[in-house]
């Protein structure tokens, strides 16, 4: 293998647009900075694609390298907090669709040495979202119920595993029957199809409208069914909009049931929460991941130069889990 093949490289876009049309694979020289990290793995998230398209809530200066999360190994550091060989994840956007990235030390989080790099690469977004859904809106007690749609998503799976360990019961709605066994194996209490039939079964399982919290990542009729399962003064939290349909709130549910409607964007949480609290949450989650108690499914990994195949894989009907770059 030639020395050139080891040269740092990255994916970059000079203008926003369809990822398959605007992304480029380029060699580059990492800028000087506090900590140089060699990337071990970085997932392809919907937010990354939205950023490239120019439709995400945050628009980076162009040209830009995508990648809102990932994990790597410190190669060089001028910070006393990190040394070469430390395994780290990124608390802030860090241009992780690359072989290397240079970041400030205070944006890093040191990981357990034994943690799986693919699981660690997915630690920042989905597990933290699930943690905040379960802890940020109500004081749940063992035996309480939550309901969620898109239960087979990475966040949905994380919710099931965390709730299981907290003694909180879950009703998870999914799009297809074949998705049910995997979630049941994770510890879900009830997994039902996201339709009127599943809604009727959920009401029976709950004994009426008894859920303390509802987690919505779809919108439309699916979100409305979750609202109808909430107990009085329950809270409905939207953290995604995969169905691309608006959230419609019937007047009666607000007036007579006093439901709360909230939103969650984990980026805002990480930026507005005291650093010690953020790091405490990630320490908890990292320990769970390292112990195999919090797992996200991985479909396939790709080299950066195979980025077109990686994007194509996202639309494969048989895909089961995250697609990651593993430079």
C-alpha atoms as a PDB file:
ATOM      1  CA  UNK A   1       0.000   0.000   0.000  1.00  0.00           C
ATOM      2  CA  UNK A   2       1.406   3.374  -0.988  1.00  0.00           C
ATOM      3  CA  UNK A   3       2.071   6.188   1.448  1.00  0.00           C
ATOM      4  CA  UNK A   4      -0.442   8.303  -0.464  1.00  0.00           C
ATOM      5  CA  UNK A   5      -3.232   5.908   0.493  1.00  0.00           C
ATOM      6  CA  UNK A   6      -2.629   6.825   4.132  1.00  0.00           C
ATOM      7  CA  UNK A   7      -2.941  10.577   3.480  1.00  0.00           C
ATOM      8  CA  UNK A   8      -5.772  12.273   5.391  1.00  0.00           C
ATOM      9  CA  UNK A   9      -8.964  12.559   3.378  1.00  0.00           C
ATOM     10  CA  UNK A  10     -12.515  13.736   3.917  1.00  0.00           C
ATOM     11  CA  UNK A  11     -15.902  14.129   2.310  1.00  0.00           C
ATOM     12  CA  UNK A  12     -16.807  17.738   1.604  1.00  0.00           C
ATOM     13  CA  UNK A  13     -19.564  19.768  -0.028  1.00  0.00           C
ATOM     14  CA  UNK A  14     -18.988  23.217  -1.509  1.00  0.00           C
ATOM     15  CA  UNK A  15     -22.688  23.910  -2.038  1.00  0.00           C
ATOM     16  CA  UNK A  16     -25.883  22.505  -0.580  1.00  0.00           C
ATOM     17  CA  UNK A  17     -27.969  20.063  -2.576  1.00  0.00           C
ATOM     18  CA  UNK A  18     -28.639  16.386  -3.104  1.00  0.00           C
ATOM     19  CA  UNK A  19     -25.851  14.511  -1.272  1.00  0.00           C
ATOM     20  CA  UNK A  20     -25.099  12.218  -4.217  1.00  0.00           C
ATOM     21  CA  UNK A  21     -24.529  15.275  -6.412  1.00  0.00           C
ATOM     22  CA  UNK A  22     -22.639  17.709  -4.156  1.00  0.00           C
ATOM     23  CA  UNK A  23     -20.386  15.502  -2.016  1.00  0.00           C
ATOM     24  CA  UNK A  24     -16.731  15.133  -2.997  1.00  0.00           C
ATOM     25  CA  UNK A  25     -13.922  12.905  -1.681  1.00  0.00           C
ATOM     26  CA  UNK A  26     -10.781  14.996  -1.186  1.00  0.00           C
ATOM     27  CA  UNK A  27      -7.341  14.761   0.352  1.00  0.00           C
ATOM     28  CA  UNK A  28      -6.622  17.474   2.897  1.00  0.00           C
ATOM     29  CA  UNK A  29      -4.180  18.614   5.543  1.00  0.00           C
ATOM     30  CA  UNK A  30      -5.762  18.702   9.024  1.00  0.00           C
ATOM     31  CA  UNK A  31      -5.429  22.189  10.506  1.00  0.00           C
ATOM     32  CA  UNK A  32      -3.305  22.781  13.574  1.00  0.00           C
ATOM     33  CA  UNK A  33      -5.231  22.739  16.811  1.00  0.00           C
ATOM     34  CA  UNK A  34      -5.444  21.445  20.334  1.00  0.00           C
ATOM     35  CA  UNK A  35      -6.240  17.781  19.657  1.00  0.00           C
ATOM     36  CA  UNK A  36      -5.850  15.777  16.430  1.00  0.00           C
ATOM     37  CA  UNK A  37      -8.133  12.746  16.348  1.00  0.00           C
ATOM     38  CA  UNK A  38      -8.011   9.831  13.921  1.00  0.00           C
ATOM     39  CA  UNK A  39     -11.594   8.812  13.166  1.00  0.00           C
ATOM     40  CA  UNK A  40     -12.498   5.172  13.810  1.00  0.00           C
ATOM     41  CA  UNK A  41     -16.162   5.339  12.806  1.00  0.00           C
ATOM     42  CA  UNK A  42     -18.874   7.875  12.009  1.00  0.00           C
ATOM     43  CA  UNK A  43     -22.535   7.125  11.257  1.00  0.00           C
ATOM     44  CA  UNK A  44     -24.698   8.559   8.496  1.00  0.00           C
ATOM     45  CA  UNK A  45     -27.570  10.293  10.270  1.00  0.00           C
ATOM     46  CA  UNK A  46     -30.653  11.952   8.757  1.00  0.00           C
ATOM     47  CA  UNK A  47     -29.394  15.232  10.230  1.00  0.00           C
ATOM     48  CA  UNK A  48     -26.163  14.861   8.237  1.00  0.00           C
ATOM     49  CA  UNK A  49     -28.112  14.450   5.005  1.00  0.00           C
ATOM     50  CA  UNK A  50     -30.377  17.387   5.880  1.00  0.00           C
ATOM     51  CA  UNK A  51     -27.285  19.516   6.534  1.00  0.00           C
ATOM     52  CA  UNK A  52     -25.877  18.684   3.103  1.00  0.00           C
ATOM     53  CA  UNK A  53     -29.255  19.474   1.546  1.00  0.00           C
ATOM     54  CA  UNK A  54     -29.401  22.801   3.397  1.00  0.00           C
ATOM     55  CA  UNK A  55     -32.635  21.932   5.209  1.00  0.00           C
ATOM     56  CA  UNK A  56     -31.291  21.369   8.742  1.00  0.00           C
ATOM     57  CA  UNK A  57     -31.687  23.828  11.593  1.00  0.00           C
ATOM     58  CA  UNK A  58     -27.943  24.564  11.582  1.00  0.00           C
ATOM     59  CA  UNK A  59     -26.172  25.608   8.390  1.00  0.00           C
ATOM     60  CA  UNK A  60     -22.363  25.344   8.444  1.00  0.00           C
ATOM     61  CA  UNK A  61     -20.049  27.690   6.573  1.00  0.00           C
ATOM     62  CA  UNK A  62     -19.108  26.262   3.179  1.00  0.00           C
ATOM     63  CA  UNK A  63     -17.159  24.328   2.143  1.00  0.00           C
ATOM     64  CA  UNK A  64     -18.036  21.900   4.936  1.00  0.00           C
ATOM     65  CA  UNK A  65     -17.397  18.317   5.956  1.00  0.00           C
ATOM     66  CA  UNK A  66     -20.451  16.478   7.315  1.00  0.00           C
ATOM     67  CA  UNK A  67     -20.518  14.460  10.502  1.00  0.00           C
ATOM     68  CA  UNK A  68     -22.303  15.328  13.722  1.00  0.00           C
ATOM     69  CA  UNK A  69     -20.980  12.371  15.691  1.00  0.00           C
ATOM     70  CA  UNK A  70     -18.340   9.682  15.706  1.00  0.00           C
ATOM     71  CA  UNK A  71     -15.479   8.249  17.717  1.00  0.00           C
ATOM     72  CA  UNK A  72     -11.749   8.160  17.272  1.00  0.00           C
ATOM     73  CA  UNK A  73      -8.297   7.872  18.804  1.00  0.00           C
ATOM     74  CA  UNK A  74      -6.186  10.852  19.826  1.00  0.00           C
ATOM     75  CA  UNK A  75      -3.040  11.102  17.701  1.00  0.00           C
ATOM     76  CA  UNK A  76      -1.558  14.329  19.080  1.00  0.00           C
ATOM     77  CA  UNK A  77      -2.620  16.661  21.873  1.00  0.00           C
ATOM     78  CA  UNK A  78      -1.405  19.867  23.471  1.00  0.00           C
ATOM     79  CA  UNK A  79      -4.053  19.510  26.183  1.00  0.00           C
ATOM     80  CA  UNK A  80      -3.118  17.914  29.521  1.00  0.00           C
ATOM     81  CA  UNK A  81      -6.551  16.235  29.536  1.00  0.00           C
ATOM     82  CA  UNK A  82      -5.845  13.983  26.547  1.00  0.00           C
ATOM     83  CA  UNK A  83      -2.890  11.947  25.359  1.00  0.00           C
ATOM     84  CA  UNK A  84      -2.107   9.911  22.267  1.00  0.00           C
ATOM     85  CA  UNK A  85      -4.061   6.669  22.296  1.00  0.00           C
ATOM     86  CA  UNK A  86      -7.082   7.961  24.220  1.00  0.00           C
ATOM     87  CA  UNK A  87     -10.381   6.806  22.740  1.00  0.00           C
ATOM     88  CA  UNK A  88     -12.814   9.713  22.460  1.00  0.00           C
ATOM     89  CA  UNK A  89     -16.179  10.842  21.141  1.00  0.00           C
ATOM     90  CA  UNK A  90     -17.217  14.356  20.146  1.00  0.00           C
ATOM     91  CA  UNK A  91     -19.651  16.481  22.124  1.00  0.00           C
ATOM     92  CA  UNK A  92     -19.961  19.017  19.297  1.00  0.00           C
ATOM     93  CA  UNK A  93     -20.134  18.791  15.514  1.00  0.00           C
ATOM     94  CA  UNK A  94     -16.644  17.730  14.482  1.00  0.00           C
ATOM     95  CA  UNK A  95     -16.548  17.078  10.710  1.00  0.00           C
ATOM     96  CA  UNK A  96     -16.331  13.333  11.291  1.00  0.00           C
ATOM     97  CA  UNK A  97     -16.813  12.134   7.713  1.00  0.00           C
ATOM     98  CA  UNK A  98     -13.048  12.180   7.429  1.00  0.00           C
ATOM     99  CA  UNK A  99      -9.992  10.180   8.417  1.00  0.00           C
ATOM    100  CA  UNK A 100      -8.889  12.924  10.834  1.00  0.00           C
ATOM    101  CA  UNK A 101     -10.354  15.954  12.563  1.00  0.00           C
ATOM    102  CA  UNK A 102      -8.853  18.682  14.746  1.00  0.00           C
ATOM    103  CA  UNK A 103     -10.897  19.873  17.712  1.00  0.00           C
ATOM    104  CA  UNK A 104     -10.725  21.773  20.983  1.00  0.00           C
ATOM    105  CA  UNK A 105     -10.135  19.572  24.030  1.00  0.00           C
ATOM    106  CA  UNK A 106     -13.285  20.761  25.786  1.00  0.00           C
ATOM    107  CA  UNK A 107     -15.437  19.328  22.976  1.00  0.00           C
ATOM    108  CA  UNK A 108     -14.184  15.784  23.579  1.00  0.00           C
ATOM    109  CA  UNK A 109     -15.362  13.057  25.925  1.00  0.00           C
ATOM    110  CA  UNK A 110     -13.031  10.239  26.958  1.00  0.00           C
ATOM    111  CA  UNK A 111     -14.485   6.778  26.388  1.00  0.00           C
ATOM    112  CA  UNK A 112     -13.881   3.470  28.173  1.00  0.00           C
ATOM    113  CA  UNK A 113     -11.043   1.592  26.469  1.00  0.00           C
ATOM    114  CA  UNK A 114     -13.164  -1.529  26.019  1.00  0.00           C
ATOM    115  CA  UNK A 115     -16.052   0.164  24.202  1.00  0.00           C
ATOM    116  CA  UNK A 116     -16.888  -1.045  20.704  1.00  0.00           C
ATOM    117  CA  UNK A 117     -15.946   1.732  18.238  1.00  0.00           C
ATOM    118  CA  UNK A 118     -19.053   1.337  16.092  1.00  0.00           C
ATOM    119  CA  UNK A 119     -21.343   1.590  19.112  1.00  0.00           C
ATOM    120  CA  UNK A 120     -19.289   4.472  20.503  1.00  0.00           C
ATOM    121  CA  UNK A 121     -19.614   6.332  17.203  1.00  0.00           C
ATOM    122  CA  UNK A 122     -23.399   6.331  17.662  1.00  0.00           C
ATOM    123  CA  UNK A 123     -23.376   7.373  21.323  1.00  0.00           C
ATOM    124  CA  UNK A 124     -23.814  11.122  21.003  1.00  0.00           C
ATOM    125  CA  UNK A 125     -27.254  11.454  19.380  1.00  0.00           C
ATOM    126  CA  UNK A 126     -29.652   8.545  19.785  1.00  0.00           C
ATOM    127  CA  UNK A 127     -28.854   7.306  23.324  1.00  0.00           C
ATOM    128  CA  UNK A 128     -28.787  10.889  24.631  1.00  0.00           C
ATOM    129  CA  UNK A 129     -32.099  11.618  22.913  1.00  0.00           C
ATOM    130  CA  UNK A 130     -33.646   8.531  24.522  1.00  0.00           C
ATOM    131  CA  UNK A 131     -32.203   9.480  27.921  1.00  0.00           C
ATOM    132  CA  UNK A 132     -33.679  12.962  27.713  1.00  0.00           C
ATOM    133  CA  UNK A 133     -37.058  11.676  26.573  1.00  0.00           C
ATOM    134  CA  UNK A 134     -37.213   9.515  29.690  1.00  0.00           C
ATOM    135  CA  UNK A 135     -35.700  12.019  32.157  1.00  0.00           C
ATOM    136  CA  UNK A 136     -36.273  15.516  30.843  1.00  0.00           C
ATOM    137  CA  UNK A 137     -40.059  15.942  30.956  1.00  0.00           C
ATOM    138  CA  UNK A 138     -41.432  14.048  33.948  1.00  0.00           C
ATOM    139  CA  UNK A 139     -40.300  12.171  37.031  1.00  0.00           C
ATOM    140  CA  UNK A 140     -41.148   8.642  35.964  1.00  0.00           C
ATOM    141  CA  UNK A 141     -41.471   5.926  38.586  1.00  0.00           C
ATOM    142  CA  UNK A 142     -41.017   2.191  38.129  1.00  0.00           C
ATOM    143  CA  UNK A 143     -44.265   0.804  36.761  1.00  0.00           C
ATOM    144  CA  UNK A 144     -45.143   3.941  34.772  1.00  0.00           C
ATOM    145  CA  UNK A 145     -45.929   3.628  31.059  1.00  0.00           C
ATOM    146  CA  UNK A 146     -44.598   5.435  28.019  1.00  0.00           C
ATOM    147  CA  UNK A 147     -45.798   5.078  24.428  1.00  0.00           C
ATOM    148  CA  UNK A 148     -43.759   5.730  21.293  1.00  0.00           C
ATOM    149  CA  UNK A 149     -43.971   5.451  17.538  1.00  0.00           C
ATOM    150  CA  UNK A 150     -41.092   4.479  15.254  1.00  0.00           C
ATOM    151  CA  UNK A 151     -40.151   1.919  17.888  1.00  0.00           C
ATOM    152  CA  UNK A 152     -37.720   0.166  15.543  1.00  0.00           C
ATOM    153  CA  UNK A 153     -35.637   3.313  15.080  1.00  0.00           C
ATOM    154  CA  UNK A 154     -32.332   3.736  16.860  1.00  0.00           C
ATOM    155  CA  UNK A 155     -33.895   6.136  19.364  1.00  0.00           C
ATOM    156  CA  UNK A 156     -36.866   3.832  19.847  1.00  0.00           C
ATOM    157  CA  UNK A 157     -34.575   0.893  20.578  1.00  0.00           C
ATOM    158  CA  UNK A 158     -32.553   2.967  23.037  1.00  0.00           C
ATOM    159  CA  UNK A 159     -35.770   4.029  24.803  1.00  0.00           C
ATOM    160  CA  UNK A 160     -36.791   0.382  25.177  1.00  0.00           C
ATOM    161  CA  UNK A 161     -33.435  -0.666  26.646  1.00  0.00           C
ATOM    162  CA  UNK A 162     -33.154   2.263  29.055  1.00  0.00           C
ATOM    163  CA  UNK A 163     -36.782   1.945  30.156  1.00  0.00           C
ATOM    164  CA  UNK A 164     -36.302  -1.775  30.724  1.00  0.00           C
ATOM    165  CA  UNK A 165     -33.441  -1.101  33.144  1.00  0.00           C
ATOM    166  CA  UNK A 166     -35.406   1.690  34.871  1.00  0.00           C
ATOM    167  CA  UNK A 167     -38.488  -0.474  35.419  1.00  0.00           C
ATOM    168  CA  UNK A 168     -40.611   1.674  33.088  1.00  0.00           C
ATOM    169  CA  UNK A 169     -43.107  -0.105  30.824  1.00  0.00           C
ATOM    170  CA  UNK A 170     -43.205   0.568  27.091  1.00  0.00           C
ATOM    171  CA  UNK A 171     -45.706   0.387  24.257  1.00  0.00           C
ATOM    172  CA  UNK A 172     -43.876   0.730  20.955  1.00  0.00           C
ATOM    173  CA  UNK A 173     -45.542   1.103  17.574  1.00  0.00           C
ATOM    174  CA  UNK A 174     -43.814  -0.165  14.427  1.00  0.00           C
ATOM    175  CA  UNK A 175     -44.605  -0.148  10.733  1.00  0.00           C
ATOM    176  CA  UNK A 176     -44.296  -3.875  10.030  1.00  0.00           C
ATOM    177  CA  UNK A 177     -45.047  -7.099  11.919  1.00  0.00           C
ATOM    178  CA  UNK A 178     -41.592  -8.505  11.194  1.00  0.00           C
ATOM    179  CA  UNK A 179     -40.063  -5.748  13.346  1.00  0.00           C
ATOM    180  CA  UNK A 180     -41.836  -6.973  16.487  1.00  0.00           C
ATOM    181  CA  UNK A 181     -39.632  -9.922  17.606  1.00  0.00           C
ATOM    182  CA  UNK A 182     -36.387  -7.904  17.759  1.00  0.00           C
ATOM    183  CA  UNK A 183     -37.934  -5.262  20.007  1.00  0.00           C
ATOM    184  CA  UNK A 184     -39.539  -7.862  22.243  1.00  0.00           C
ATOM    185  CA  UNK A 185     -36.116  -9.449  22.643  1.00  0.00           C
ATOM    186  CA  UNK A 186     -34.725  -6.071  23.759  1.00  0.00           C
ATOM    187  CA  UNK A 187     -37.260  -5.974  26.586  1.00  0.00           C
ATOM    188  CA  UNK A 188     -40.224  -4.088  25.124  1.00  0.00           C
ATOM    189  CA  UNK A 189     -43.469  -4.806  26.967  1.00  0.00           C
ATOM    190  CA  UNK A 190     -45.795  -4.408  23.981  1.00  0.00           C
ATOM    191  CA  UNK A 191     -44.892  -3.942  20.316  1.00  0.00           C
ATOM    192  CA  UNK A 192     -47.821  -3.198  18.019  1.00  0.00           C
ATOM    193  CA  UNK A 193     -48.429  -2.097  14.459  1.00  0.00           C
ATOM    194  CA  UNK A 194     -48.870   1.653  14.018  1.00  0.00           C
ATOM    195  CA  UNK A 195     -52.490   1.624  12.891  1.00  0.00           C
ATOM    196  CA  UNK A 196     -55.975   1.637  14.372  1.00  0.00           C
ATOM    197  CA  UNK A 197     -55.759  -2.061  15.214  1.00  0.00           C
ATOM    198  CA  UNK A 198     -52.536  -1.523  17.144  1.00  0.00           C
ATOM    199  CA  UNK A 199     -54.036   1.515  18.855  1.00  0.00           C
ATOM    200  CA  UNK A 200     -56.987  -0.571  20.111  1.00  0.00           C
ATOM    201  CA  UNK A 201     -54.603  -3.201  21.479  1.00  0.00           C
ATOM    202  CA  UNK A 202     -52.542  -0.491  23.166  1.00  0.00           C
ATOM    203  CA  UNK A 203     -55.588   0.945  24.947  1.00  0.00           C
ATOM    204  CA  UNK A 204     -56.409  -2.525  26.202  1.00  0.00           C
ATOM    205  CA  UNK A 205     -52.831  -3.122  27.402  1.00  0.00           C
ATOM    206  CA  UNK A 206     -52.756   0.250  29.184  1.00  0.00           C
ATOM    207  CA  UNK A 207     -56.215  -0.115  30.657  1.00  0.00           C
ATOM    208  CA  UNK A 208     -57.302   3.083  28.890  1.00  0.00           C
ATOM    209  CA  UNK A 209     -55.368   6.325  28.531  1.00  0.00           C
ATOM    210  CA  UNK A 210     -52.663   5.825  31.127  1.00  0.00           C
ATOM    211  CA  UNK A 211     -49.305   6.671  29.544  1.00  0.00           C
ATOM    212  CA  UNK A 212     -47.270   9.338  31.323  1.00  0.00           C
ATOM    213  CA  UNK A 213     -45.254  10.282  28.238  1.00  0.00           C
ATOM    214  CA  UNK A 214     -45.529   9.873  24.473  1.00  0.00           C
ATOM    215  CA  UNK A 215     -42.519  10.045  22.141  1.00  0.00           C
ATOM    216  CA  UNK A 216     -43.303  11.074  18.571  1.00  0.00           C
ATOM    217  CA  UNK A 217     -40.951  10.882  15.582  1.00  0.00           C
ATOM    218  CA  UNK A 218     -43.551  10.491  12.825  1.00  0.00           C
ATOM    219  CA  UNK A 219     -46.313  13.114  13.010  1.00  0.00           C
ATOM    220  CA  UNK A 220     -49.766  12.947  11.414  1.00  0.00           C
ATOM    221  CA  UNK A 221     -52.226  10.274  12.510  1.00  0.00           C
ATOM    222  CA  UNK A 222     -49.502   8.307  14.280  1.00  0.00           C
ATOM    223  CA  UNK A 223     -48.782  11.241  16.596  1.00  0.00           C
ATOM    224  CA  UNK A 224     -52.496  11.708  17.268  1.00  0.00           C
ATOM    225  CA  UNK A 225     -52.872   8.085  18.343  1.00  0.00           C
ATOM    226  CA  UNK A 226     -50.080   8.611  20.878  1.00  0.00           C
ATOM    227  CA  UNK A 227     -51.876  11.658  22.290  1.00  0.00           C
ATOM    228  CA  UNK A 228     -55.029   9.636  22.835  1.00  0.00           C
ATOM    229  CA  UNK A 229     -53.077   7.173  24.996  1.00  0.00           C
ATOM    230  CA  UNK A 230     -51.802   9.825  27.409  1.00  0.00           C
ATOM    231  CA  UNK A 231     -53.226  10.184  30.889  1.00  0.00           C
ATOM    232  CA  UNK A 232     -54.505  13.521  32.130  1.00  0.00           C
ATOM    233  CA  UNK A 233     -51.709  16.141  32.111  1.00  0.00           C
ATOM    234  CA  UNK A 234     -49.462  13.720  30.237  1.00  0.00           C
ATOM    235  CA  UNK A 235     -46.734  15.058  27.947  1.00  0.00           C
ATOM    236  CA  UNK A 236     -46.343  14.483  24.216  1.00  0.00           C
ATOM    237  CA  UNK A 237     -42.777  15.058  22.978  1.00  0.00           C
ATOM    238  CA  UNK A 238     -41.837  15.357  19.310  1.00  0.00           C
ATOM    239  CA  UNK A 239     -38.189  14.715  18.444  1.00  0.00           C
ATOM    240  CA  UNK A 240     -38.475  13.798  14.764  1.00  0.00           C
ATOM    241  CA  UNK A 241     -40.733  14.068  11.722  1.00  0.00           C
ATOM    242  CA  UNK A 242     -40.036  11.028   9.594  1.00  0.00           C
ATOM    243  CA  UNK A 243     -43.596  10.989   8.278  1.00  0.00           C
ATOM    244  CA  UNK A 244     -43.196  14.604   7.069  1.00  0.00           C
ATOM    245  CA  UNK A 245     -46.739  15.333   8.250  1.00  0.00           C
ATOM    246  CA  UNK A 246     -47.706  18.133  10.637  1.00  0.00           C
ATOM    247  CA  UNK A 247     -48.739  17.611  14.219  1.00  0.00           C
ATOM    248  CA  UNK A 248     -52.479  18.265  14.666  1.00  0.00           C
ATOM    249  CA  UNK A 249     -53.678  18.816  18.229  1.00  0.00           C
ATOM    250  CA  UNK A 250     -57.449  18.413  18.842  1.00  0.00           C
ATOM    251  CA  UNK A 251     -58.893  21.126  21.045  1.00  0.00           C
ATOM    252  CA  UNK A 252     -60.576  18.620  23.352  1.00  0.00           C
ATOM    253  CA  UNK A 253     -57.308  16.940  24.319  1.00  0.00           C
ATOM    254  CA  UNK A 254     -55.928  20.299  25.384  1.00  0.00           C
ATOM    255  CA  UNK A 255     -59.023  21.597  27.138  1.00  0.00           C
ATOM    256  CA  UNK A 256     -60.352  18.508  28.879  1.00  0.00           C
ATOM    257  CA  UNK A 257     -57.193  16.425  29.289  1.00  0.00           C
ATOM    258  CA  UNK A 258     -54.697  19.263  29.840  1.00  0.00           C
ATOM    259  CA  UNK A 259     -52.037  17.560  27.730  1.00  0.00           C
ATOM    260  CA  UNK A 260     -48.595  19.129  27.355  1.00  0.00           C
ATOM    261  CA  UNK A 261     -46.943  19.327  23.935  1.00  0.00           C
ATOM    262  CA  UNK A 262     -43.151  19.676  23.872  1.00  0.00           C
ATOM    263  CA  UNK A 263     -40.210  19.245  21.531  1.00  0.00           C
ATOM    264  CA  UNK A 264     -36.722  17.849  21.952  1.00  0.00           C
ATOM    265  CA  UNK A 265     -33.586  18.646  19.965  1.00  0.00           C
ATOM    266  CA  UNK A 266     -30.612  16.970  21.603  1.00  0.00           C
ATOM    267  CA  UNK A 267     -28.219  19.572  20.174  1.00  0.00           C
ATOM    268  CA  UNK A 268     -29.984  22.321  22.104  1.00  0.00           C
ATOM    269  CA  UNK A 269     -29.858  20.183  25.249  1.00  0.00           C
ATOM    270  CA  UNK A 270     -26.108  19.642  24.947  1.00  0.00           C
ATOM    271  CA  UNK A 271     -25.438  23.324  24.275  1.00  0.00           C
ATOM    272  CA  UNK A 272     -27.706  24.753  26.996  1.00  0.00           C
ATOM    273  CA  UNK A 273     -27.060  22.248  29.793  1.00  0.00           C
ATOM    274  CA  UNK A 274     -24.140  22.639  32.238  1.00  0.00           C
ATOM    275  CA  UNK A 275     -21.092  20.755  30.983  1.00  0.00           C
ATOM    276  CA  UNK A 276     -20.837  18.657  34.145  1.00  0.00           C
ATOM    277  CA  UNK A 277     -24.401  17.407  33.678  1.00  0.00           C
ATOM    278  CA  UNK A 278     -23.864  16.606  30.003  1.00  0.00           C
ATOM    279  CA  UNK A 279     -20.717  14.650  30.801  1.00  0.00           C
ATOM    280  CA  UNK A 280     -22.460  12.805  33.628  1.00  0.00           C
ATOM    281  CA  UNK A 281     -25.174  11.645  31.228  1.00  0.00           C
ATOM    282  CA  UNK A 282     -22.630  10.481  28.659  1.00  0.00           C
ATOM    283  CA  UNK A 283     -20.607   8.700  31.334  1.00  0.00           C
ATOM    284  CA  UNK A 284     -23.718   6.772  32.322  1.00  0.00           C
ATOM    285  CA  UNK A 285     -24.543   5.952  28.701  1.00  0.00           C
ATOM    286  CA  UNK A 286     -20.963   5.025  27.782  1.00  0.00           C
ATOM    287  CA  UNK A 287     -20.789   2.566  30.664  1.00  0.00           C
ATOM    288  CA  UNK A 288     -24.038   0.975  29.510  1.00  0.00           C
ATOM    289  CA  UNK A 289     -22.733   0.696  25.949  1.00  0.00           C
ATOM    290  CA  UNK A 290     -19.400  -0.764  27.078  1.00  0.00           C
ATOM    291  CA  UNK A 291     -21.281  -3.344  29.171  1.00  0.00           C
ATOM    292  CA  UNK A 292     -23.470  -4.359  26.223  1.00  0.00           C
ATOM    293  CA  UNK A 293     -26.648  -3.089  27.909  1.00  0.00           C
ATOM    294  CA  UNK A 294     -27.334  -0.394  25.311  1.00  0.00           C
ATOM    295  CA  UNK A 295     -26.883  -1.502  21.720  1.00  0.00           C
ATOM    296  CA  UNK A 296     -27.826  -0.019  18.364  1.00  0.00           C
ATOM    297  CA  UNK A 297     -27.995  -2.226  15.264  1.00  0.00           C
ATOM    298  CA  UNK A 298     -25.308  -1.788  12.617  1.00  0.00           C
ATOM    299  CA  UNK A 299     -26.131  -2.650   9.032  1.00  0.00           C
ATOM    300  CA  UNK A 300     -22.849  -2.093   7.171  1.00  0.00           C
ATOM    301  CA  UNK A 301     -19.668  -0.016   7.240  1.00  0.00           C
ATOM    302  CA  UNK A 302     -17.991   1.674   4.285  1.00  0.00           C
ATOM    303  CA  UNK A 303     -14.690   3.356   3.525  1.00  0.00           C
ATOM    304  CA  UNK A 304     -14.936   7.068   2.798  1.00  0.00           C
ATOM    305  CA  UNK A 305     -14.073   6.586  -0.858  1.00  0.00           C
ATOM    306  CA  UNK A 306     -17.095   4.272  -1.165  1.00  0.00           C
ATOM    307  CA  UNK A 307     -19.480   7.022  -0.079  1.00  0.00           C
ATOM    308  CA  UNK A 308     -21.787   6.578  -3.061  1.00  0.00           C
ATOM    309  CA  UNK A 309     -22.369   2.939  -2.147  1.00  0.00           C
ATOM    310  CA  UNK A 310     -22.956   3.992   1.468  1.00  0.00           C
ATOM    311  CA  UNK A 311     -25.650   6.471   0.426  1.00  0.00           C
ATOM    312  CA  UNK A 312     -27.275   3.863  -1.806  1.00  0.00           C
ATOM    313  CA  UNK A 313     -27.351   1.440   1.110  1.00  0.00           C
ATOM    314  CA  UNK A 314     -29.528   3.854   3.095  1.00  0.00           C
ATOM    315  CA  UNK A 315     -32.413   3.139   0.716  1.00  0.00           C
ATOM    316  CA  UNK A 316     -31.941  -0.635   0.576  1.00  0.00           C
ATOM    317  CA  UNK A 317     -35.221  -2.299   1.631  1.00  0.00           C
ATOM    318  CA  UNK A 318     -33.317  -5.012   3.496  1.00  0.00           C
ATOM    319  CA  UNK A 319     -31.209  -2.539   5.509  1.00  0.00           C
ATOM    320  CA  UNK A 320     -31.325  -3.279   9.235  1.00  0.00           C
ATOM    321  CA  UNK A 321     -29.491  -0.723  11.309  1.00  0.00           C
ATOM    322  CA  UNK A 322     -27.115   2.164  10.855  1.00  0.00           C
ATOM    323  CA  UNK A 323     -24.737   2.681   7.962  1.00  0.00           C
ATOM    324  CA  UNK A 324     -21.355   3.996   9.096  1.00  0.00           C
ATOM    325  CA  UNK A 325     -18.107   5.204   7.628  1.00  0.00           C
ATOM    326  CA  UNK A 326     -15.139   3.372   9.109  1.00  0.00           C
ATOM    327  CA  UNK A 327     -12.070   5.070   7.578  1.00  0.00           C
END
